[in-house]
């Protein structure tokens, strides 16, 4: 078991050894097995509630994760949707995760104001994910426990402003007094050390972890990620102002064409963005269709490895970065 290298407000808040969080990924990707591997390696992971729409299956995922972690705390990703039926689904998810004693949640999407009272009463920590510091200020006023700020190079939803993770990492700690997590393009220990130096309390990774042995996605897709260098990443759905950074496959090209045509109705996009396509891609290894979250940090994914091996490499790299800074420091 790797000893702690950093002690931050996030490691204290979540009771973890390392300030490394692995955010919720695509449908049925961040499941109990993967999240348990992250937790057992000393980080924090989040089971994606939306990936398990059947309440009994969602509950079973939570119980399996608790068994695999021997009772250690783990998280759930909650997407707060304004779409029809979203409030009802969220309410049921809240009931289940509070009953099962989940340790923390990663909220994303709309404002978390409606769920904070329930989560706070249950003693569940709330980390709200935003794509710009302006939203982090609003989340802080709502009473969340920490804020995750992602930059434009994150796989998934980077927001509409195109602000880099480098800027977010330097700006957020100077603007927000809450614990800060930085995500987007993160995949090395050097970046971990750099974000700590800029005032952050942890990093969030997604694309870098697509090659984990514990992920249930098809090995052929993992091998494709290993061969990638990040240039296969593209931002689409700009016509809906719902920017999505994904693998530049056939579906992404079709959506980009809709963006270029000025399309602005979801029904025009729907055949290309439905979650079933992504689920099929992850299961079969055929990545030609589906909105597959994919950021440039895949450039750091050099081989299929266990989560713990990836963490160990990052921490070794962070240690070397700290040593280099110490050597560069001028004597006064």
C-alpha atoms as a PDB file:
ATOM      1  CA  UNK A   1       0.000   0.000   0.000  1.00  0.00           C
ATOM      2  CA  UNK A   2       1.554   3.281  -1.129  1.00  0.00           C
ATOM      3  CA  UNK A   3       2.131   5.824   1.634  1.00  0.00           C
ATOM      4  CA  UNK A   4       0.620   9.297   1.366  1.00  0.00           C
ATOM      5  CA  UNK A   5       2.685  11.948  -0.410  1.00  0.00           C
ATOM      6  CA  UNK A   6       0.286  14.871   0.098  1.00  0.00           C
ATOM      7  CA  UNK A   7      -2.086  15.896   2.866  1.00  0.00           C
ATOM      8  CA  UNK A   8      -4.763  18.307   1.668  1.00  0.00           C
ATOM      9  CA  UNK A   9      -8.234  19.485   2.572  1.00  0.00           C
ATOM     10  CA  UNK A  10      -9.660  16.923   0.143  1.00  0.00           C
ATOM     11  CA  UNK A  11      -7.740  13.980   1.595  1.00  0.00           C
ATOM     12  CA  UNK A  12      -8.971  15.075   5.019  1.00  0.00           C
ATOM     13  CA  UNK A  13     -12.557  15.679   3.868  1.00  0.00           C
ATOM     14  CA  UNK A  14     -12.902  12.327   2.134  1.00  0.00           C
ATOM     15  CA  UNK A  15     -10.568  10.273   4.320  1.00  0.00           C
ATOM     16  CA  UNK A  16      -8.363   9.142   1.426  1.00  0.00           C
ATOM     17  CA  UNK A  17      -4.592   8.645   1.147  1.00  0.00           C
ATOM     18  CA  UNK A  18      -4.018  10.440  -2.141  1.00  0.00           C
ATOM     19  CA  UNK A  19      -5.566  13.613  -3.596  1.00  0.00           C
ATOM     20  CA  UNK A  20      -6.664  11.747  -6.720  1.00  0.00           C
ATOM     21  CA  UNK A  21     -10.325  11.538  -7.710  1.00  0.00           C
ATOM     22  CA  UNK A  22     -11.616   9.533 -10.660  1.00  0.00           C
ATOM     23  CA  UNK A  23     -14.755  11.171 -11.981  1.00  0.00           C
ATOM     24  CA  UNK A  24     -17.841   9.420 -13.242  1.00  0.00           C
ATOM     25  CA  UNK A  25     -17.457   8.292 -16.854  1.00  0.00           C
ATOM     26  CA  UNK A  26     -19.905   7.036 -19.493  1.00  0.00           C
ATOM     27  CA  UNK A  27     -22.953   4.794 -19.124  1.00  0.00           C
ATOM     28  CA  UNK A  28     -22.158   1.661 -17.124  1.00  0.00           C
ATOM     29  CA  UNK A  29     -18.423   2.498 -17.188  1.00  0.00           C
ATOM     30  CA  UNK A  30     -17.920   3.778 -13.647  1.00  0.00           C
ATOM     31  CA  UNK A  31     -19.338   0.727 -11.922  1.00  0.00           C
ATOM     32  CA  UNK A  32     -18.719  -0.915  -8.554  1.00  0.00           C
ATOM     33  CA  UNK A  33     -15.637  -2.858  -9.640  1.00  0.00           C
ATOM     34  CA  UNK A  34     -13.856   0.177 -11.055  1.00  0.00           C
ATOM     35  CA  UNK A  35     -14.798   2.507  -8.204  1.00  0.00           C
ATOM     36  CA  UNK A  36     -13.721  -0.069  -5.622  1.00  0.00           C
ATOM     37  CA  UNK A  37     -10.335  -0.356  -7.337  1.00  0.00           C
ATOM     38  CA  UNK A  38      -9.917   3.430  -7.153  1.00  0.00           C
ATOM     39  CA  UNK A  39     -10.873   3.514  -3.473  1.00  0.00           C
ATOM     40  CA  UNK A  40      -8.627   0.574  -2.591  1.00  0.00           C
ATOM     41  CA  UNK A  41      -5.728   2.332  -4.333  1.00  0.00           C
ATOM     42  CA  UNK A  42      -6.195   5.312  -2.024  1.00  0.00           C
ATOM     43  CA  UNK A  43      -8.288   7.648  -4.170  1.00  0.00           C
ATOM     44  CA  UNK A  44     -11.994   8.383  -4.528  1.00  0.00           C
ATOM     45  CA  UNK A  45     -14.280   7.121  -7.279  1.00  0.00           C
ATOM     46  CA  UNK A  46     -17.925   7.658  -8.159  1.00  0.00           C
ATOM     47  CA  UNK A  47     -20.459   5.117  -9.402  1.00  0.00           C
ATOM     48  CA  UNK A  48     -22.541   6.828 -12.109  1.00  0.00           C
ATOM     49  CA  UNK A  49     -26.154   6.620 -10.957  1.00  0.00           C
ATOM     50  CA  UNK A  50     -27.490   7.367 -14.445  1.00  0.00           C
ATOM     51  CA  UNK A  51     -25.726   4.261 -15.737  1.00  0.00           C
ATOM     52  CA  UNK A  52     -27.997   2.054 -13.641  1.00  0.00           C
ATOM     53  CA  UNK A  53     -31.557   3.283 -14.197  1.00  0.00           C
ATOM     54  CA  UNK A  54     -33.059   0.196 -12.601  1.00  0.00           C
ATOM     55  CA  UNK A  55     -33.278   1.002  -8.853  1.00  0.00           C
ATOM     56  CA  UNK A  56     -32.527  -2.556  -7.770  1.00  0.00           C
ATOM     57  CA  UNK A  57     -29.435  -2.728  -9.976  1.00  0.00           C
ATOM     58  CA  UNK A  58     -28.229   0.643  -8.684  1.00  0.00           C
ATOM     59  CA  UNK A  59     -28.629  -0.532  -5.104  1.00  0.00           C
ATOM     60  CA  UNK A  60     -26.786  -3.744  -5.901  1.00  0.00           C
ATOM     61  CA  UNK A  61     -23.892  -1.747  -7.364  1.00  0.00           C
ATOM     62  CA  UNK A  62     -23.609   0.228  -4.134  1.00  0.00           C
ATOM     63  CA  UNK A  63     -23.645  -2.912  -2.018  1.00  0.00           C
ATOM     64  CA  UNK A  64     -21.080  -4.639  -4.234  1.00  0.00           C
ATOM     65  CA  UNK A  65     -18.769  -1.622  -3.988  1.00  0.00           C
ATOM     66  CA  UNK A  66     -19.027  -1.615  -0.203  1.00  0.00           C
ATOM     67  CA  UNK A  67     -18.174  -5.316  -0.148  1.00  0.00           C
ATOM     68  CA  UNK A  68     -15.179  -4.883  -2.479  1.00  0.00           C
ATOM     69  CA  UNK A  69     -13.822  -1.975  -0.437  1.00  0.00           C
ATOM     70  CA  UNK A  70     -14.345  -3.746   2.894  1.00  0.00           C
ATOM     71  CA  UNK A  71     -16.589  -0.914   4.030  1.00  0.00           C
ATOM     72  CA  UNK A  72     -14.418   2.031   2.972  1.00  0.00           C
ATOM     73  CA  UNK A  73     -16.201   5.160   1.787  1.00  0.00           C
ATOM     74  CA  UNK A  74     -16.960   5.576  -1.902  1.00  0.00           C
ATOM     75  CA  UNK A  75     -18.875   8.051  -4.034  1.00  0.00           C
ATOM     76  CA  UNK A  76     -21.763   8.362  -6.483  1.00  0.00           C
ATOM     77  CA  UNK A  77     -22.017  10.638  -9.500  1.00  0.00           C
ATOM     78  CA  UNK A  78     -25.394  12.375  -9.627  1.00  0.00           C
ATOM     79  CA  UNK A  79     -26.407  14.158 -12.822  1.00  0.00           C
ATOM     80  CA  UNK A  80     -29.007  16.813 -12.092  1.00  0.00           C
ATOM     81  CA  UNK A  81     -31.184  17.020 -15.176  1.00  0.00           C
ATOM     82  CA  UNK A  82     -33.877  19.480 -16.176  1.00  0.00           C
ATOM     83  CA  UNK A  83     -35.355  17.047 -18.692  1.00  0.00           C
ATOM     84  CA  UNK A  84     -38.758  15.434 -18.238  1.00  0.00           C
ATOM     85  CA  UNK A  85     -38.654  12.755 -15.577  1.00  0.00           C
ATOM     86  CA  UNK A  86     -35.262  13.890 -14.316  1.00  0.00           C
ATOM     87  CA  UNK A  87     -36.515  15.071 -10.930  1.00  0.00           C
ATOM     88  CA  UNK A  88     -38.293  11.786 -10.255  1.00  0.00           C
ATOM     89  CA  UNK A  89     -35.235   9.700 -11.167  1.00  0.00           C
ATOM     90  CA  UNK A  90     -33.015  11.895  -9.016  1.00  0.00           C
ATOM     91  CA  UNK A  91     -35.348  11.568  -6.049  1.00  0.00           C
ATOM     92  CA  UNK A  92     -35.241   7.778  -6.242  1.00  0.00           C
ATOM     93  CA  UNK A  93     -31.451   7.787  -6.579  1.00  0.00           C
ATOM     94  CA  UNK A  94     -31.196  10.012  -3.516  1.00  0.00           C
ATOM     95  CA  UNK A  95     -33.380   7.668  -1.501  1.00  0.00           C
ATOM     96  CA  UNK A  96     -31.238   4.664  -2.394  1.00  0.00           C
ATOM     97  CA  UNK A  97     -27.818   6.224  -1.840  1.00  0.00           C
ATOM     98  CA  UNK A  98     -28.833   7.705   1.498  1.00  0.00           C
ATOM     99  CA  UNK A  99     -30.279   4.365   2.603  1.00  0.00           C
ATOM    100  CA  UNK A 100     -27.045   2.640   1.571  1.00  0.00           C
ATOM    101  CA  UNK A 101     -24.821   5.138   3.393  1.00  0.00           C
ATOM    102  CA  UNK A 102     -22.802   6.483   0.459  1.00  0.00           C
ATOM    103  CA  UNK A 103     -19.873   8.630   1.646  1.00  0.00           C
ATOM    104  CA  UNK A 104     -19.883  11.438  -0.943  1.00  0.00           C
ATOM    105  CA  UNK A 105     -21.410  12.538  -4.234  1.00  0.00           C
ATOM    106  CA  UNK A 106     -20.073  14.237  -7.331  1.00  0.00           C
ATOM    107  CA  UNK A 107     -22.934  16.403  -8.610  1.00  0.00           C
ATOM    108  CA  UNK A 108     -23.014  17.806 -12.125  1.00  0.00           C
ATOM    109  CA  UNK A 109     -25.441  19.407 -14.548  1.00  0.00           C
ATOM    110  CA  UNK A 110     -27.947  21.855 -13.085  1.00  0.00           C
ATOM    111  CA  UNK A 111     -27.660  23.544  -9.696  1.00  0.00           C
ATOM    112  CA  UNK A 112     -27.424  21.144  -6.743  1.00  0.00           C
ATOM    113  CA  UNK A 113     -29.512  23.388  -4.486  1.00  0.00           C
ATOM    114  CA  UNK A 114     -32.453  20.965  -4.440  1.00  0.00           C
ATOM    115  CA  UNK A 115     -30.369  17.999  -3.256  1.00  0.00           C
ATOM    116  CA  UNK A 116     -28.004  19.621  -0.772  1.00  0.00           C
ATOM    117  CA  UNK A 117     -30.439  19.577   2.212  1.00  0.00           C
ATOM    118  CA  UNK A 118     -31.145  15.862   1.771  1.00  0.00           C
ATOM    119  CA  UNK A 119     -27.474  14.989   1.390  1.00  0.00           C
ATOM    120  CA  UNK A 120     -26.400  17.174   4.292  1.00  0.00           C
ATOM    121  CA  UNK A 121     -29.006  15.586   6.588  1.00  0.00           C
ATOM    122  CA  UNK A 122     -27.618  12.180   5.624  1.00  0.00           C
ATOM    123  CA  UNK A 123     -24.037  13.251   6.347  1.00  0.00           C
ATOM    124  CA  UNK A 124     -22.997  12.861   2.697  1.00  0.00           C
ATOM    125  CA  UNK A 125     -20.261  15.148   1.368  1.00  0.00           C
ATOM    126  CA  UNK A 126     -21.121  17.122  -1.777  1.00  0.00           C
ATOM    127  CA  UNK A 127     -18.528  17.928  -4.445  1.00  0.00           C
ATOM    128  CA  UNK A 128     -20.117  19.939  -7.234  1.00  0.00           C
ATOM    129  CA  UNK A 129     -18.495  19.885 -10.680  1.00  0.00           C
ATOM    130  CA  UNK A 130     -18.469  23.048 -12.801  1.00  0.00           C
ATOM    131  CA  UNK A 131     -16.780  24.166 -16.056  1.00  0.00           C
ATOM    132  CA  UNK A 132     -15.811  27.676 -14.918  1.00  0.00           C
ATOM    133  CA  UNK A 133     -14.946  29.535 -11.737  1.00  0.00           C
ATOM    134  CA  UNK A 134     -18.022  31.759 -12.082  1.00  0.00           C
ATOM    135  CA  UNK A 135     -20.175  28.686 -11.396  1.00  0.00           C
ATOM    136  CA  UNK A 136     -17.910  27.607  -8.547  1.00  0.00           C
ATOM    137  CA  UNK A 137     -18.740  30.843  -6.739  1.00  0.00           C
ATOM    138  CA  UNK A 138     -22.452  30.059  -7.001  1.00  0.00           C
ATOM    139  CA  UNK A 139     -21.955  26.490  -5.790  1.00  0.00           C
ATOM    140  CA  UNK A 140     -19.935  27.713  -2.820  1.00  0.00           C
ATOM    141  CA  UNK A 141     -22.815  29.965  -1.757  1.00  0.00           C
ATOM    142  CA  UNK A 142     -25.158  26.955  -1.802  1.00  0.00           C
ATOM    143  CA  UNK A 143     -23.122  25.190   0.872  1.00  0.00           C
ATOM    144  CA  UNK A 144     -21.356  22.394  -1.002  1.00  0.00           C
ATOM    145  CA  UNK A 145     -18.339  20.836   0.696  1.00  0.00           C
ATOM    146  CA  UNK A 146     -15.944  21.183  -2.236  1.00  0.00           C
ATOM    147  CA  UNK A 147     -15.888  22.296  -5.850  1.00  0.00           C
ATOM    148  CA  UNK A 148     -14.518  20.437  -8.863  1.00  0.00           C
ATOM    149  CA  UNK A 149     -13.502  22.814 -11.655  1.00  0.00           C
ATOM    150  CA  UNK A 150     -12.805  21.285 -15.067  1.00  0.00           C
ATOM    151  CA  UNK A 151     -11.016  22.901 -17.982  1.00  0.00           C
ATOM    152  CA  UNK A 152     -11.672  22.800 -21.705  1.00  0.00           C
ATOM    153  CA  UNK A 153      -9.430  19.764 -22.162  1.00  0.00           C
ATOM    154  CA  UNK A 154     -11.633  17.459 -20.092  1.00  0.00           C
ATOM    155  CA  UNK A 155     -13.353  14.554 -21.785  1.00  0.00           C
ATOM    156  CA  UNK A 156     -17.117  14.827 -21.434  1.00  0.00           C
ATOM    157  CA  UNK A 157     -18.655  18.238 -20.816  1.00  0.00           C
ATOM    158  CA  UNK A 158     -16.131  21.107 -20.623  1.00  0.00           C
ATOM    159  CA  UNK A 159     -18.691  23.919 -20.744  1.00  0.00           C
ATOM    160  CA  UNK A 160     -19.025  26.608 -23.368  1.00  0.00           C
ATOM    161  CA  UNK A 161     -16.251  29.028 -22.419  1.00  0.00           C
ATOM    162  CA  UNK A 162     -13.156  27.128 -23.531  1.00  0.00           C
ATOM    163  CA  UNK A 163     -11.079  27.982 -20.451  1.00  0.00           C
ATOM    164  CA  UNK A 164      -8.017  25.774 -20.021  1.00  0.00           C
ATOM    165  CA  UNK A 165      -7.341  23.650 -16.959  1.00  0.00           C
ATOM    166  CA  UNK A 166      -4.089  25.566 -16.438  1.00  0.00           C
ATOM    167  CA  UNK A 167      -6.043  28.793 -15.993  1.00  0.00           C
ATOM    168  CA  UNK A 168      -8.712  27.156 -13.838  1.00  0.00           C
ATOM    169  CA  UNK A 169      -6.064  25.638 -11.544  1.00  0.00           C
ATOM    170  CA  UNK A 170      -4.461  29.012 -10.896  1.00  0.00           C
ATOM    171  CA  UNK A 171      -7.676  31.018 -10.670  1.00  0.00           C
ATOM    172  CA  UNK A 172     -10.027  28.825  -8.645  1.00  0.00           C
ATOM    173  CA  UNK A 173      -7.970  28.641  -5.413  1.00  0.00           C
ATOM    174  CA  UNK A 174      -7.609  32.414  -5.389  1.00  0.00           C
ATOM    175  CA  UNK A 175     -11.360  32.931  -5.821  1.00  0.00           C
ATOM    176  CA  UNK A 176     -12.911  30.110  -3.761  1.00  0.00           C
ATOM    177  CA  UNK A 177     -12.182  29.325  -0.118  1.00  0.00           C
ATOM    178  CA  UNK A 178     -13.619  25.790  -0.310  1.00  0.00           C
ATOM    179  CA  UNK A 179     -11.455  22.772  -1.138  1.00  0.00           C
ATOM    180  CA  UNK A 180     -10.760  22.780  -4.880  1.00  0.00           C
ATOM    181  CA  UNK A 181     -10.365  19.852  -7.269  1.00  0.00           C
ATOM    182  CA  UNK A 182      -8.990  20.476 -10.769  1.00  0.00           C
ATOM    183  CA  UNK A 183      -9.833  18.263 -13.746  1.00  0.00           C
ATOM    184  CA  UNK A 184      -9.253  18.237 -17.474  1.00  0.00           C
ATOM    185  CA  UNK A 185      -6.199  16.872 -19.234  1.00  0.00           C
ATOM    186  CA  UNK A 186      -4.721  15.453 -16.024  1.00  0.00           C
ATOM    187  CA  UNK A 187      -2.758  12.223 -16.246  1.00  0.00           C
ATOM    188  CA  UNK A 188       0.685  12.597 -14.682  1.00  0.00           C
ATOM    189  CA  UNK A 189       2.211  13.145 -11.282  1.00  0.00           C
ATOM    190  CA  UNK A 190       3.899  16.287 -12.577  1.00  0.00           C
ATOM    191  CA  UNK A 191       0.460  17.773 -13.127  1.00  0.00           C
ATOM    192  CA  UNK A 192      -0.645  16.597  -9.707  1.00  0.00           C
ATOM    193  CA  UNK A 193       2.313  18.373  -8.090  1.00  0.00           C
ATOM    194  CA  UNK A 194       1.705  21.476 -10.201  1.00  0.00           C
ATOM    195  CA  UNK A 195      -1.955  21.758  -9.204  1.00  0.00           C
ATOM    196  CA  UNK A 196      -0.987  21.355  -5.553  1.00  0.00           C
ATOM    197  CA  UNK A 197       1.544  24.162  -6.010  1.00  0.00           C
ATOM    198  CA  UNK A 198      -1.152  26.395  -7.502  1.00  0.00           C
ATOM    199  CA  UNK A 199      -3.381  25.940  -4.462  1.00  0.00           C
ATOM    200  CA  UNK A 200      -5.658  23.068  -5.436  1.00  0.00           C
ATOM    201  CA  UNK A 201      -6.451  20.198  -3.067  1.00  0.00           C
ATOM    202  CA  UNK A 202      -6.817  17.301  -5.547  1.00  0.00           C
ATOM    203  CA  UNK A 203      -7.022  16.368  -9.197  1.00  0.00           C
ATOM    204  CA  UNK A 204      -9.836  14.665 -11.092  1.00  0.00           C
ATOM    205  CA  UNK A 205      -9.113  12.162 -13.855  1.00  0.00           C
ATOM    206  CA  UNK A 206     -11.295  10.464 -16.436  1.00  0.00           C
ATOM    207  CA  UNK A 207      -9.791   9.871 -19.878  1.00  0.00           C
ATOM    208  CA  UNK A 208      -6.460   8.776 -18.406  1.00  0.00           C
ATOM    209  CA  UNK A 209      -8.251   5.944 -16.623  1.00  0.00           C
ATOM    210  CA  UNK A 210      -9.924   4.443 -19.715  1.00  0.00           C
ATOM    211  CA  UNK A 211      -7.161   1.820 -19.859  1.00  0.00           C
ATOM    212  CA  UNK A 212      -7.677   0.460 -16.344  1.00  0.00           C
ATOM    213  CA  UNK A 213      -7.852  -3.307 -16.134  1.00  0.00           C
ATOM    214  CA  UNK A 214     -10.789  -3.018 -13.754  1.00  0.00           C
ATOM    215  CA  UNK A 215     -12.995  -1.166 -16.240  1.00  0.00           C
ATOM    216  CA  UNK A 216     -15.606  -3.397 -17.857  1.00  0.00           C
ATOM    217  CA  UNK A 217     -15.255  -1.806 -21.314  1.00  0.00           C
ATOM    218  CA  UNK A 218     -14.002  -3.998 -24.159  1.00  0.00           C
ATOM    219  CA  UNK A 219     -10.269  -4.584 -24.353  1.00  0.00           C
ATOM    220  CA  UNK A 220     -10.215  -3.578 -28.043  1.00  0.00           C
ATOM    221  CA  UNK A 221     -11.378  -0.103 -27.067  1.00  0.00           C
ATOM    222  CA  UNK A 222      -8.757   0.118 -24.339  1.00  0.00           C
ATOM    223  CA  UNK A 223      -6.094  -0.827 -26.891  1.00  0.00           C
ATOM    224  CA  UNK A 224      -7.380   1.928 -29.158  1.00  0.00           C
ATOM    225  CA  UNK A 225      -6.997   4.410 -26.309  1.00  0.00           C
ATOM    226  CA  UNK A 226      -3.425   3.221 -25.720  1.00  0.00           C
ATOM    227  CA  UNK A 227      -2.640   3.977 -29.360  1.00  0.00           C
ATOM    228  CA  UNK A 228      -4.247   7.434 -29.153  1.00  0.00           C
ATOM    229  CA  UNK A 229      -2.329  10.665 -28.703  1.00  0.00           C
ATOM    230  CA  UNK A 230      -5.202  12.997 -27.831  1.00  0.00           C
ATOM    231  CA  UNK A 231      -5.635  14.478 -31.297  1.00  0.00           C
ATOM    232  CA  UNK A 232      -8.636  12.165 -31.770  1.00  0.00           C
ATOM    233  CA  UNK A 233     -10.587  14.371 -29.349  1.00  0.00           C
ATOM    234  CA  UNK A 234     -13.202  16.796 -30.663  1.00  0.00           C
ATOM    235  CA  UNK A 235     -15.829  19.100 -29.126  1.00  0.00           C
ATOM    236  CA  UNK A 236     -19.346  18.735 -30.596  1.00  0.00           C
ATOM    237  CA  UNK A 237     -22.971  19.608 -29.740  1.00  0.00           C
ATOM    238  CA  UNK A 238     -22.065  23.283 -29.883  1.00  0.00           C
ATOM    239  CA  UNK A 239     -25.362  23.973 -31.651  1.00  0.00           C
ATOM    240  CA  UNK A 240     -27.174  22.915 -28.488  1.00  0.00           C
ATOM    241  CA  UNK A 241     -24.736  24.841 -26.281  1.00  0.00           C
ATOM    242  CA  UNK A 242     -24.088  21.516 -24.578  1.00  0.00           C
ATOM    243  CA  UNK A 243     -20.443  21.173 -25.579  1.00  0.00           C
ATOM    244  CA  UNK A 244     -19.239  17.594 -25.450  1.00  0.00           C
ATOM    245  CA  UNK A 245     -15.614  16.475 -25.884  1.00  0.00           C
ATOM    246  CA  UNK A 246     -15.642  13.003 -27.388  1.00  0.00           C
ATOM    247  CA  UNK A 247     -13.789  10.591 -29.647  1.00  0.00           C
ATOM    248  CA  UNK A 248     -13.964  11.861 -33.234  1.00  0.00           C
ATOM    249  CA  UNK A 249     -15.886   8.876 -34.626  1.00  0.00           C
ATOM    250  CA  UNK A 250     -18.768   8.626 -37.114  1.00  0.00           C
ATOM    251  CA  UNK A 251     -21.328   9.866 -34.595  1.00  0.00           C
ATOM    252  CA  UNK A 252     -19.157  12.845 -33.666  1.00  0.00           C
ATOM    253  CA  UNK A 253     -18.719  13.744 -37.327  1.00  0.00           C
ATOM    254  CA  UNK A 254     -22.484  13.612 -37.879  1.00  0.00           C
ATOM    255  CA  UNK A 255     -23.068  15.836 -34.859  1.00  0.00           C
ATOM    256  CA  UNK A 256     -20.360  18.267 -35.998  1.00  0.00           C
ATOM    257  CA  UNK A 257     -22.147  18.520 -39.345  1.00  0.00           C
ATOM    258  CA  UNK A 258     -25.373  19.398 -37.540  1.00  0.00           C
ATOM    259  CA  UNK A 259     -23.497  22.034 -35.526  1.00  0.00           C
ATOM    260  CA  UNK A 260     -22.109  23.526 -38.737  1.00  0.00           C
ATOM    261  CA  UNK A 261     -25.562  23.571 -40.353  1.00  0.00           C
ATOM    262  CA  UNK A 262     -27.005  25.672 -37.537  1.00  0.00           C
ATOM    263  CA  UNK A 263     -29.188  22.882 -36.116  1.00  0.00           C
ATOM    264  CA  UNK A 264     -30.493  23.717 -32.670  1.00  0.00           C
ATOM    265  CA  UNK A 265     -33.220  21.160 -31.928  1.00  0.00           C
ATOM    266  CA  UNK A 266     -32.357  18.123 -29.829  1.00  0.00           C
ATOM    267  CA  UNK A 267     -34.481  15.811 -32.002  1.00  0.00           C
ATOM    268  CA  UNK A 268     -32.081  16.440 -34.873  1.00  0.00           C
ATOM    269  CA  UNK A 269     -29.180  15.273 -32.745  1.00  0.00           C
ATOM    270  CA  UNK A 270     -30.912  12.462 -30.897  1.00  0.00           C
ATOM    271  CA  UNK A 271     -30.150   9.570 -33.310  1.00  0.00           C
ATOM    272  CA  UNK A 272     -26.430  10.210 -32.869  1.00  0.00           C
ATOM    273  CA  UNK A 273     -26.228  10.964 -29.142  1.00  0.00           C
ATOM    274  CA  UNK A 274     -28.454   8.370 -27.462  1.00  0.00           C
ATOM    275  CA  UNK A 275     -26.676   6.564 -24.651  1.00  0.00           C
ATOM    276  CA  UNK A 276     -27.381   3.117 -26.102  1.00  0.00           C
ATOM    277  CA  UNK A 277     -24.805   3.744 -28.827  1.00  0.00           C
ATOM    278  CA  UNK A 278     -22.063   4.470 -26.307  1.00  0.00           C
ATOM    279  CA  UNK A 279     -23.016   1.441 -24.226  1.00  0.00           C
ATOM    280  CA  UNK A 280     -22.777  -0.766 -27.310  1.00  0.00           C
ATOM    281  CA  UNK A 281     -19.368   0.670 -28.194  1.00  0.00           C
ATOM    282  CA  UNK A 282     -17.992  -0.043 -24.733  1.00  0.00           C
ATOM    283  CA  UNK A 283     -19.387  -3.575 -24.776  1.00  0.00           C
ATOM    284  CA  UNK A 284     -18.296  -4.580 -28.282  1.00  0.00           C
ATOM    285  CA  UNK A 285     -15.136  -2.547 -28.779  1.00  0.00           C
ATOM    286  CA  UNK A 286     -16.529  -1.029 -32.003  1.00  0.00           C
ATOM    287  CA  UNK A 287     -16.048   2.672 -31.336  1.00  0.00           C
ATOM    288  CA  UNK A 288     -17.427   3.978 -34.622  1.00  0.00           C
ATOM    289  CA  UNK A 289     -20.707   5.094 -33.045  1.00  0.00           C
ATOM    290  CA  UNK A 290     -21.718   6.840 -29.839  1.00  0.00           C
ATOM    291  CA  UNK A 291     -20.737   9.890 -27.838  1.00  0.00           C
ATOM    292  CA  UNK A 292     -17.620   8.454 -26.181  1.00  0.00           C
ATOM    293  CA  UNK A 293     -16.106  10.848 -23.627  1.00  0.00           C
ATOM    294  CA  UNK A 294     -12.505  11.279 -24.708  1.00  0.00           C
ATOM    295  CA  UNK A 295     -10.000  13.924 -23.684  1.00  0.00           C
ATOM    296  CA  UNK A 296      -6.401  14.636 -24.686  1.00  0.00           C
ATOM    297  CA  UNK A 297      -5.135  13.038 -21.454  1.00  0.00           C
ATOM    298  CA  UNK A 298      -5.357   9.697 -23.283  1.00  0.00           C
ATOM    299  CA  UNK A 299      -1.858  10.675 -24.434  1.00  0.00           C
ATOM    300  CA  UNK A 300      -0.665   9.544 -20.987  1.00  0.00           C
ATOM    301  CA  UNK A 301      -2.456   6.171 -21.179  1.00  0.00           C
ATOM    302  CA  UNK A 302       0.461   4.072 -22.394  1.00  0.00           C
ATOM    303  CA  UNK A 303      -0.717   0.588 -21.428  1.00  0.00           C
ATOM    304  CA  UNK A 304      -3.605  -1.339 -19.896  1.00  0.00           C
ATOM    305  CA  UNK A 305      -2.814  -1.507 -16.171  1.00  0.00           C
ATOM    306  CA  UNK A 306      -4.525  -1.877 -12.789  1.00  0.00           C
ATOM    307  CA  UNK A 307      -5.681   1.327 -11.107  1.00  0.00           C
ATOM    308  CA  UNK A 308      -3.122   0.903  -8.337  1.00  0.00           C
ATOM    309  CA  UNK A 309      -0.249   0.710 -10.854  1.00  0.00           C
ATOM    310  CA  UNK A 310      -1.391   3.948 -12.485  1.00  0.00           C
ATOM    311  CA  UNK A 311      -1.609   5.664  -9.113  1.00  0.00           C
ATOM    312  CA  UNK A 312       1.844   4.422  -8.112  1.00  0.00           C
ATOM    313  CA  UNK A 313       3.358   5.761 -11.333  1.00  0.00           C
ATOM    314  CA  UNK A 314       1.689   9.120 -10.783  1.00  0.00           C
ATOM    315  CA  UNK A 315       2.937   9.384  -7.232  1.00  0.00           C
ATOM    316  CA  UNK A 316       6.470   8.451  -8.263  1.00  0.00           C
ATOM    317  CA  UNK A 317       6.286  11.125 -10.962  1.00  0.00           C
ATOM    318  CA  UNK A 318       4.969  13.675  -8.471  1.00  0.00           C
ATOM    319  CA  UNK A 319       7.821  12.862  -6.103  1.00  0.00           C
ATOM    320  CA  UNK A 320      10.355  13.474  -8.874  1.00  0.00           C
ATOM    321  CA  UNK A 321       8.659  16.775  -9.693  1.00  0.00           C
ATOM    322  CA  UNK A 322       8.910  17.891  -6.079  1.00  0.00           C
ATOM    323  CA  UNK A 323      12.570  16.933  -5.983  1.00  0.00           C
ATOM    324  CA  UNK A 324      13.232  18.896  -9.159  1.00  0.00           C
ATOM    325  CA  UNK A 325      11.578  21.987  -7.704  1.00  0.00           C
ATOM    326  CA  UNK A 326      13.708  21.616  -4.600  1.00  0.00           C
ATOM    327  CA  UNK A 327      16.860  21.426  -6.721  1.00  0.00           C
ATOM    328  CA  UNK A 328      15.826  24.456  -8.765  1.00  0.00           C
ATOM    329  CA  UNK A 329      15.199  26.587  -5.721  1.00  0.00           C
ATOM    330  CA  UNK A 330      17.775  29.361  -5.317  1.00  0.00           C
ATOM    331  CA  UNK A 331      19.654  29.487  -2.044  1.00  0.00           C
ATOM    332  CA  UNK A 332      18.997  32.707  -0.141  1.00  0.00           C
END
